[in-house]
Amino acid sequence: MTEWRALTGSDVVDLAVRLRSLDWSWLLADVPALAADFGWAIGPTYRYSVSVGTELGPNTGSVSGRSETADEIGIRVTDFADDDAESRTRVRDAFADMASTITTVLGPPTQRIPGEDAEIRWAGAETTVRLRLFTSNVSLYLCTNNALDLEDQVTAMDEQGLL
């Protein structure tokens, strides 16, 4: 088994609070300044996204969007886990612990989405903080509410078999 790492509770809370209070241009061209402010390293840059490296390593986050405008910042807050039952339990436990810790600061979630790929949201006026559980990792996001609304609409259509 490889060594598995996760941000500490205080580091996750600090990141969630900083993301929640973020006031920036949401222009992809401004990602280098954003990354510098957060202490992230710039990784590969693509047409609609910029990868960033965090304390968990290179390419552990991204800022993505459409055209010149970003609509999502995503940061992996755990390493990828091995593909075994013990590791998957570790990831689920980290998600639960992080959700509880973030809730103590941001308040009760505005939405909980259960399931194998669970998600907890703390909506604000313009943006939403999202903690997402995946099979092998946990990630923290800040999304514009407009982009999140579109994503939710696509998900609903997919669930109805319309896509």
C-alpha atoms as a PDB file:
ATOM      1  CA  MET A   1       0.000   0.000   0.000  1.00  0.00           C
ATOM      2  CA  THR A   2       1.253   3.477  -0.814  1.00  0.00           C
ATOM      3  CA  GLU A   3       1.275   6.237   1.789  1.00  0.00           C
ATOM      4  CA  TRP A   4      -2.031   8.078   1.672  1.00  0.00           C
ATOM      5  CA  ARG A   5      -2.290  11.734   2.640  1.00  0.00           C
ATOM      6  CA  ALA A   6      -5.123  14.130   3.344  1.00  0.00           C
ATOM      7  CA  LEU A   7      -5.238  17.769   4.336  1.00  0.00           C
ATOM      8  CA  THR A   8      -5.711  18.276   8.061  1.00  0.00           C
ATOM      9  CA  GLY A   9      -9.048  19.456   9.366  1.00  0.00           C
ATOM     10  CA  SER A  10      -7.734  22.961   9.954  1.00  0.00           C
ATOM     11  CA  ASP A  11      -6.188  23.091   6.458  1.00  0.00           C
ATOM     12  CA  VAL A  12      -9.483  22.009   4.862  1.00  0.00           C
ATOM     13  CA  VAL A  13     -11.404  24.608   6.869  1.00  0.00           C
ATOM     14  CA  ASP A  14      -8.890  27.314   5.961  1.00  0.00           C
ATOM     15  CA  LEU A  15      -9.218  26.415   2.279  1.00  0.00           C
ATOM     16  CA  ALA A  16     -13.031  26.303   2.432  1.00  0.00           C
ATOM     17  CA  VAL A  17     -13.181  29.696   4.169  1.00  0.00           C
ATOM     18  CA  ARG A  18     -10.717  31.276   1.732  1.00  0.00           C
ATOM     19  CA  LEU A  19     -12.635  29.897  -1.236  1.00  0.00           C
ATOM     20  CA  ARG A  20     -15.988  30.983   0.228  1.00  0.00           C
ATOM     21  CA  SER A  21     -14.755  34.553   0.702  1.00  0.00           C
ATOM     22  CA  LEU A  22     -12.863  34.708  -2.600  1.00  0.00           C
ATOM     23  CA  ASP A  23     -13.399  37.890  -4.571  1.00  0.00           C
ATOM     24  CA  TRP A  24     -11.606  37.776  -7.904  1.00  0.00           C
ATOM     25  CA  SER A  25     -12.192  38.378 -11.601  1.00  0.00           C
ATOM     26  CA  TRP A  26     -13.007  34.759 -12.570  1.00  0.00           C
ATOM     27  CA  LEU A  27     -10.879  35.272 -15.679  1.00  0.00           C
ATOM     28  CA  LEU A  28      -8.644  32.368 -16.666  1.00  0.00           C
ATOM     29  CA  ALA A  29      -5.923  34.907 -17.473  1.00  0.00           C
ATOM     30  CA  ASP A  30      -5.870  35.836 -13.771  1.00  0.00           C
ATOM     31  CA  VAL A  31      -5.257  32.294 -12.501  1.00  0.00           C
ATOM     32  CA  PRO A  32      -1.500  32.892 -11.984  1.00  0.00           C
ATOM     33  CA  ALA A  33      -2.276  35.686  -9.492  1.00  0.00           C
ATOM     34  CA  LEU A  34      -4.917  33.524  -7.800  1.00  0.00           C
ATOM     35  CA  ALA A  35      -2.466  30.628  -7.570  1.00  0.00           C
ATOM     36  CA  ALA A  36       0.228  32.869  -6.112  1.00  0.00           C
ATOM     37  CA  ASP A  37      -2.215  34.155  -3.482  1.00  0.00           C
ATOM     38  CA  PHE A  38      -3.052  30.584  -2.426  1.00  0.00           C
ATOM     39  CA  GLY A  39       0.544  29.371  -2.652  1.00  0.00           C
ATOM     40  CA  TRP A  40      -0.195  27.033  -5.549  1.00  0.00           C
ATOM     41  CA  ALA A  41       2.146  26.272  -8.432  1.00  0.00           C
ATOM     42  CA  ILE A  42       0.917  26.705 -11.993  1.00  0.00           C
ATOM     43  CA  GLY A  43       0.841  23.479 -13.950  1.00  0.00           C
ATOM     44  CA  PRO A  44      -0.169  22.761 -17.525  1.00  0.00           C
ATOM     45  CA  THR A  45      -2.451  25.348 -19.098  1.00  0.00           C
ATOM     46  CA  TYR A  46      -5.099  24.361 -21.599  1.00  0.00           C
ATOM     47  CA  ARG A  47      -7.674  26.289 -23.576  1.00  0.00           C
ATOM     48  CA  TYR A  48     -10.348  26.135 -20.876  1.00  0.00           C
ATOM     49  CA  SER A  49      -8.430  25.171 -17.744  1.00  0.00           C
ATOM     50  CA  VAL A  50      -5.272  25.691 -15.748  1.00  0.00           C
ATOM     51  CA  SER A  51      -3.836  22.954 -13.531  1.00  0.00           C
ATOM     52  CA  VAL A  52      -2.371  23.909 -10.194  1.00  0.00           C
ATOM     53  CA  GLY A  53      -0.171  22.119  -7.716  1.00  0.00           C
ATOM     54  CA  THR A  54      -1.052  22.257  -4.036  1.00  0.00           C
ATOM     55  CA  GLU A  55       0.583  20.867  -0.926  1.00  0.00           C
ATOM     56  CA  LEU A  56      -0.495  17.391  -2.068  1.00  0.00           C
ATOM     57  CA  GLY A  57       1.629  17.729  -5.193  1.00  0.00           C
ATOM     58  CA  PRO A  58       1.575  18.820  -8.827  1.00  0.00           C
ATOM     59  CA  ASN A  59      -1.691  18.837 -10.750  1.00  0.00           C
ATOM     60  CA  THR A  60      -3.824  18.348  -7.645  1.00  0.00           C
ATOM     61  CA  GLY A  61      -6.193  21.130  -8.583  1.00  0.00           C
ATOM     62  CA  SER A  62      -7.567  23.063 -11.495  1.00  0.00           C
ATOM     63  CA  VAL A  63      -9.383  26.206 -12.458  1.00  0.00           C
ATOM     64  CA  SER A  64     -11.704  25.621 -15.377  1.00  0.00           C
ATOM     65  CA  GLY A  65     -14.401  27.342 -17.379  1.00  0.00           C
ATOM     66  CA  ARG A  66     -15.500  28.368 -20.823  1.00  0.00           C
ATOM     67  CA  SER A  67     -13.939  30.866 -23.188  1.00  0.00           C
ATOM     68  CA  GLU A  68     -11.910  33.245 -21.060  1.00  0.00           C
ATOM     69  CA  THR A  69     -14.039  32.919 -17.937  1.00  0.00           C
ATOM     70  CA  ALA A  70     -13.528  30.439 -15.110  1.00  0.00           C
ATOM     71  CA  ASP A  71     -16.510  28.898 -13.379  1.00  0.00           C
ATOM     72  CA  GLU A  72     -14.930  26.296 -11.096  1.00  0.00           C
ATOM     73  CA  ILE A  73     -11.933  25.899  -8.826  1.00  0.00           C
ATOM     74  CA  GLY A  74     -11.330  22.303  -7.801  1.00  0.00           C
ATOM     75  CA  ILE A  75      -8.719  21.147  -5.301  1.00  0.00           C
ATOM     76  CA  ARG A  76      -8.089  17.548  -4.332  1.00  0.00           C
ATOM     77  CA  VAL A  77      -7.903  17.441  -0.521  1.00  0.00           C
ATOM     78  CA  THR A  78      -6.788  13.805  -0.312  1.00  0.00           C
ATOM     79  CA  ASP A  79      -4.398  11.681  -2.284  1.00  0.00           C
ATOM     80  CA  PHE A  80      -5.832   9.018  -4.535  1.00  0.00           C
ATOM     81  CA  ALA A  81      -6.473   5.884  -2.493  1.00  0.00           C
ATOM     82  CA  ASP A  82      -5.623   2.339  -3.411  1.00  0.00           C
ATOM     83  CA  ASP A  83      -8.403   0.207  -4.886  1.00  0.00           C
ATOM     84  CA  ASP A  84      -9.259  -1.909  -1.860  1.00  0.00           C
ATOM     85  CA  ALA A  85     -11.956  -1.913   0.814  1.00  0.00           C
ATOM     86  CA  GLU A  86      -9.728  -0.465   3.547  1.00  0.00           C
ATOM     87  CA  SER A  87      -8.646   2.439   1.359  1.00  0.00           C
ATOM     88  CA  ARG A  88     -12.198   3.209   0.220  1.00  0.00           C
ATOM     89  CA  THR A  89     -13.267   3.270   3.884  1.00  0.00           C
ATOM     90  CA  ARG A  90     -10.422   5.684   4.633  1.00  0.00           C
ATOM     91  CA  VAL A  91     -11.646   7.996   1.852  1.00  0.00           C
ATOM     92  CA  ARG A  92     -15.274   7.876   3.089  1.00  0.00           C
ATOM     93  CA  ASP A  93     -14.127   8.572   6.663  1.00  0.00           C
ATOM     94  CA  ALA A  94     -12.037  11.536   5.476  1.00  0.00           C
ATOM     95  CA  PHE A  95     -15.078  12.905   3.616  1.00  0.00           C
ATOM     96  CA  ALA A  96     -17.266  12.610   6.720  1.00  0.00           C
ATOM     97  CA  ASP A  97     -14.630  14.210   8.953  1.00  0.00           C
ATOM     98  CA  MET A  98     -14.031  17.064   6.493  1.00  0.00           C
ATOM     99  CA  ALA A  99     -17.765  17.685   6.074  1.00  0.00           C
ATOM    100  CA  SER A 100     -18.199  17.901   9.839  1.00  0.00           C
ATOM    101  CA  THR A 101     -15.217  20.212  10.242  1.00  0.00           C
ATOM    102  CA  ILE A 102     -16.297  22.547   7.424  1.00  0.00           C
ATOM    103  CA  THR A 103     -19.842  22.645   8.819  1.00  0.00           C
ATOM    104  CA  THR A 104     -18.561  23.972  12.143  1.00  0.00           C
ATOM    105  CA  VAL A 105     -17.286  27.059  10.302  1.00  0.00           C
ATOM    106  CA  LEU A 106     -19.546  27.538   7.254  1.00  0.00           C
ATOM    107  CA  GLY A 107     -22.708  26.409   9.028  1.00  0.00           C
ATOM    108  CA  PRO A 108     -25.192  23.747   7.992  1.00  0.00           C
ATOM    109  CA  PRO A 109     -24.956  22.628   4.374  1.00  0.00           C
ATOM    110  CA  THR A 110     -27.543  23.971   1.985  1.00  0.00           C
ATOM    111  CA  GLN A 111     -27.686  20.651   0.161  1.00  0.00           C
ATOM    112  CA  ARG A 112     -26.600  17.054   0.721  1.00  0.00           C
ATOM    113  CA  ILE A 113     -26.448  14.695  -2.232  1.00  0.00           C
ATOM    114  CA  PRO A 114     -26.121  11.100  -1.030  1.00  0.00           C
ATOM    115  CA  GLY A 115     -24.742   8.191  -2.966  1.00  0.00           C
ATOM    116  CA  GLU A 116     -21.512   6.530  -3.930  1.00  0.00           C
ATOM    117  CA  ASP A 117     -20.245   9.890  -5.218  1.00  0.00           C
ATOM    118  CA  ALA A 118     -21.721  11.947  -2.382  1.00  0.00           C
ATOM    119  CA  GLU A 119     -21.578  15.707  -2.254  1.00  0.00           C
ATOM    120  CA  ILE A 120     -22.233  18.407   0.313  1.00  0.00           C
ATOM    121  CA  ARG A 121     -22.844  22.029  -0.670  1.00  0.00           C
ATOM    122  CA  TRP A 122     -22.683  25.357   1.101  1.00  0.00           C
ATOM    123  CA  ALA A 123     -24.355  27.876  -1.230  1.00  0.00           C
ATOM    124  CA  GLY A 124     -23.604  31.573  -1.168  1.00  0.00           C
ATOM    125  CA  ALA A 125     -25.095  34.438  -3.131  1.00  0.00           C
ATOM    126  CA  GLU A 126     -22.771  34.053  -6.153  1.00  0.00           C
ATOM    127  CA  THR A 127     -20.794  30.855  -5.538  1.00  0.00           C
ATOM    128  CA  THR A 128     -21.092  27.478  -3.833  1.00  0.00           C
ATOM    129  CA  VAL A 129     -18.499  25.508  -1.898  1.00  0.00           C
ATOM    130  CA  ARG A 130     -18.773  21.799  -2.693  1.00  0.00           C
ATOM    131  CA  LEU A 131     -17.141  18.881  -0.894  1.00  0.00           C
ATOM    132  CA  ARG A 132     -17.252  15.836  -3.155  1.00  0.00           C
ATOM    133  CA  LEU A 133     -16.602  12.203  -2.391  1.00  0.00           C
ATOM    134  CA  PHE A 134     -15.266  10.047  -5.181  1.00  0.00           C
ATOM    135  CA  THR A 135     -14.336   6.375  -5.012  1.00  0.00           C
ATOM    136  CA  SER A 136     -10.640   7.121  -4.584  1.00  0.00           C
ATOM    137  CA  ASN A 137     -10.423  10.703  -3.256  1.00  0.00           C
ATOM    138  CA  VAL A 138     -12.120  13.764  -1.796  1.00  0.00           C
ATOM    139  CA  SER A 139     -12.105  17.165  -3.510  1.00  0.00           C
ATOM    140  CA  LEU A 140     -13.188  20.658  -2.514  1.00  0.00           C
ATOM    141  CA  TYR A 141     -14.641  23.024  -5.110  1.00  0.00           C
ATOM    142  CA  LEU A 142     -15.794  26.577  -5.483  1.00  0.00           C
ATOM    143  CA  CYS A 143     -18.248  26.952  -8.368  1.00  0.00           C
ATOM    144  CA  THR A 144     -20.212  29.840  -9.692  1.00  0.00           C
ATOM    145  CA  ASN A 145     -23.898  29.307  -9.044  1.00  0.00           C
ATOM    146  CA  ASN A 146     -24.684  29.751 -12.746  1.00  0.00           C
ATOM    147  CA  ALA A 147     -22.321  26.949 -13.740  1.00  0.00           C
ATOM    148  CA  LEU A 148     -23.598  24.717 -10.951  1.00  0.00           C
ATOM    149  CA  ASP A 149     -27.215  25.297 -12.020  1.00  0.00           C
ATOM    150  CA  LEU A 150     -26.324  24.207 -15.558  1.00  0.00           C
ATOM    151  CA  GLU A 151     -24.507  21.127 -14.246  1.00  0.00           C
ATOM    152  CA  ASP A 152     -27.529  20.208 -12.117  1.00  0.00           C
ATOM    153  CA  GLN A 153     -29.841  20.585 -15.119  1.00  0.00           C
ATOM    154  CA  VAL A 154     -27.652  18.300 -17.232  1.00  0.00           C
ATOM    155  CA  THR A 155     -27.494  15.746 -14.403  1.00  0.00           C
ATOM    156  CA  ALA A 156     -31.290  15.787 -14.058  1.00  0.00           C
ATOM    157  CA  MET A 157     -31.752  15.323 -17.789  1.00  0.00           C
ATOM    158  CA  ASP A 158     -29.275  12.437 -17.764  1.00  0.00           C
ATOM    159  CA  GLU A 159     -31.089  10.772 -14.858  1.00  0.00           C
ATOM    160  CA  GLN A 160     -34.349  11.074 -16.807  1.00  0.00           C
ATOM    161  CA  GLY A 161     -32.747   9.401 -19.824  1.00  0.00           C
ATOM    162  CA  LEU A 162     -33.018  12.539 -21.934  1.00  0.00           C
ATOM    163  CA  LEU A 163     -29.342  12.624 -22.871  1.00  0.00           C
END
